[in-house]
C-alpha atoms as a PDB file:
ATOM      1  CA  THR A   1      96.823  67.199 -88.824  1.00  0.00           C
ATOM      2  CA  VAL A   2      99.502  68.797 -86.606  1.00  0.00           C
ATOM      3  CA  LEU A   3     102.108  68.695 -89.489  1.00  0.00           C
ATOM      4  CA  ARG A   4      99.848  70.183 -92.022  1.00  0.00           C
ATOM      5  CA  ASN A   5      98.988  72.957 -89.593  1.00  0.00           C
ATOM      6  CA  THR A   6     102.715  73.373 -89.057  1.00  0.00           C
ATOM      7  CA  ALA A   7     103.299  73.800 -92.825  1.00  0.00           C
ATOM      8  CA  ASP A   8     100.517  76.332 -92.961  1.00  0.00           C
ATOM      9  CA  ALA A   9     102.010  78.249 -90.050  1.00  0.00           C
ATOM     10  CA  PHE A  10     105.066  78.892 -92.055  1.00  0.00           C
ATOM     11  CA  PHE A  11     103.018  81.417 -93.988  1.00  0.00           C
ATOM     12  CA  THR A  12     100.806  82.799 -91.255  1.00  0.00           C
ATOM     13  CA  SER A  13     103.653  83.335 -88.815  1.00  0.00           C
ATOM     14  CA  GLY A  14     106.096  84.907 -91.355  1.00  0.00           C
ATOM     15  CA  LEU A  15     108.586  82.006 -91.180  1.00  0.00           C
ATOM     16  CA  TYR A  16     108.434  81.613 -95.050  1.00  0.00           C
ATOM     17  CA  ASP A  17     108.958  85.287 -95.664  1.00  0.00           C
ATOM     18  CA  ALA A  18     111.968  85.050 -93.363  1.00  0.00           C
ATOM     19  CA  GLY A  19     113.521  82.363 -95.510  1.00  0.00           C
ATOM     20  CA  TYR A  20     112.527  79.157 -93.653  1.00  0.00           C
ATOM     21  CA  ARG A  21     111.834  76.381 -96.072  1.00  0.00           C
ATOM     22  CA  TYR A  22     112.309  72.967 -94.320  1.00  0.00           C
ATOM     23  CA  LEU A  23     109.690  71.114 -92.262  1.00  0.00           C
ATOM     24  CA  ASN A  24     111.482  68.168 -90.581  1.00  0.00           C
ATOM     25  CA  ILE A  25     110.067  65.515 -88.677  1.00  0.00           C
ATOM     26  CA  ASP A  26     112.031  63.565 -85.976  1.00  0.00           C
ATOM     27  CA  ASP A  27     111.837  60.121 -84.419  1.00  0.00           C
ATOM     28  CA  CYS A  28     108.712  58.050 -84.074  1.00  0.00           C
ATOM     29  CA  TRP A  29     107.351  58.536 -87.486  1.00  0.00           C
ATOM     30  CA  ALA A  30     107.938  54.837 -88.530  1.00  0.00           C
ATOM     31  CA  GLU A  31     106.486  51.541 -87.433  1.00  0.00           C
ATOM     32  CA  TYR A  32     108.405  50.161 -84.293  1.00  0.00           C
ATOM     33  CA  ASN A  33     110.245  47.602 -86.414  1.00  0.00           C
ATOM     34  CA  ARG A  34     111.489  47.417 -89.846  1.00  0.00           C
ATOM     35  CA  THR A  35     109.908  45.166 -92.458  1.00  0.00           C
ATOM     36  CA  GLU A  36     111.359  41.646 -93.126  1.00  0.00           C
ATOM     37  CA  ASN A  37     113.333  43.209 -95.870  1.00  0.00           C
ATOM     38  CA  GLY A  38     114.851  45.932 -93.639  1.00  0.00           C
ATOM     39  CA  GLN A  39     112.691  48.792 -94.908  1.00  0.00           C
ATOM     40  CA  LEU A  40     111.244  51.553 -92.841  1.00  0.00           C
ATOM     41  CA  GLU A  41     107.549  52.058 -93.123  1.00  0.00           C
ATOM     42  CA  PRO A  42     105.364  54.865 -91.864  1.00  0.00           C
ATOM     43  CA  ASP A  43     103.340  54.101 -88.679  1.00  0.00           C
ATOM     44  CA  GLN A  44     100.015  53.114 -89.915  1.00  0.00           C
ATOM     45  CA  GLU A  45      98.197  54.659 -86.902  1.00  0.00           C
ATOM     46  CA  LYS A  46      99.848  58.075 -87.460  1.00  0.00           C
ATOM     47  CA  PHE A  47      99.620  57.989 -91.267  1.00  0.00           C
ATOM     48  CA  PRO A  48      96.337  55.913 -92.057  1.00  0.00           C
ATOM     49  CA  PRO A  49      94.941  55.432 -95.435  1.00  0.00           C
ATOM     50  CA  GLY A  50      93.921  58.831 -96.970  1.00  0.00           C
ATOM     51  CA  GLN A  51      96.431  60.612 -94.654  1.00  0.00           C
ATOM     52  CA  THR A  52      99.632  58.779 -95.671  1.00  0.00           C
ATOM     53  CA  LEU A  53     103.181  60.138 -95.153  1.00  0.00           C
ATOM     54  CA  GLN A  54     103.343  60.557 -99.024  1.00  0.00           C
ATOM     55  CA  ASP A  55     100.060  62.698 -98.812  1.00  0.00           C
ATOM     56  CA  LEU A  56     101.752  64.823 -96.185  1.00  0.00           C
ATOM     57  CA  ILE A  57     104.904  65.202 -98.159  1.00  0.00           C
ATOM     58  CA  ASP A  58     102.894  66.047-101.323  1.00  0.00           C
ATOM     59  CA  TYR A  59     101.030  68.724 -99.277  1.00  0.00           C
ATOM     60  CA  ILE A  60     104.198  70.169 -97.891  1.00  0.00           C
ATOM     61  CA  HIS A  61     105.766  70.415-101.349  1.00  0.00           C
ATOM     62  CA  SER A  62     102.611  71.994-102.686  1.00  0.00           C
ATOM     63  CA  ARG A  63     103.100  74.787-100.346  1.00  0.00           C
ATOM     64  CA  GLY A  64     106.570  75.327-101.708  1.00  0.00           C
ATOM     65  CA  LEU A  65     108.258  73.899 -98.676  1.00  0.00           C
ATOM     66  CA  LEU A  66     110.921  71.094 -98.384  1.00  0.00           C
ATOM     67  CA  PHE A  67     110.595  68.080 -96.203  1.00  0.00           C
ATOM     68  CA  GLY A  68     113.134  66.363 -94.070  1.00  0.00           C
ATOM     69  CA  ILE A  69     112.850  63.099 -92.118  1.00  0.00           C
ATOM     70  CA  TYR A  70     114.802  61.579 -89.299  1.00  0.00           C
ATOM     71  CA  SER A  71     116.274  58.102 -89.382  1.00  0.00           C
ATOM     72  CA  ASP A  72     119.100  56.375 -87.726  1.00  0.00           C
ATOM     73  CA  ALA A  73     121.883  54.126 -88.766  1.00  0.00           C
ATOM     74  CA  GLY A  74     122.407  52.556 -85.412  1.00  0.00           C
ATOM     75  CA  GLU A  75     120.660  49.728 -83.734  1.00  0.00           C
ATOM     76  CA  ARG A  76     117.876  51.815 -82.218  1.00  0.00           C
ATOM     77  CA  THR A  77     116.571  55.356 -82.430  1.00  0.00           C
ATOM     78  CA  CYS A  78     116.412  57.726 -79.491  1.00  0.00           C
ATOM     79  CA  ALA A  79     112.974  56.434 -78.726  1.00  0.00           C
ATOM     80  CA  ASN A  80     114.371  52.884 -78.748  1.00  0.00           C
ATOM     81  CA  HIS A  81     112.712  52.138 -82.067  1.00  0.00           C
ATOM     82  CA  ASP A  82     114.367  49.782 -84.617  1.00  0.00           C
ATOM     83  CA  PRO A  83     115.753  52.319 -87.075  1.00  0.00           C
END
């Protein structure tokens, strides 16, 4: 996936050696609306079974990198999603 390739690129491009450690993802990673309980859930099309968000995070951590994720406390995200 693009995000796994990005994690790998930290090493092939020299970013890791230069001190970069964080791979952050921005808006649009979650389903368009929150659950009935107000929880955010990863978009099932972007993170299908076998390629879940947790699988991605585990991979990033296994490479020695840190993972960051965007959220929003407002009514909508920049892409007009329900944060």
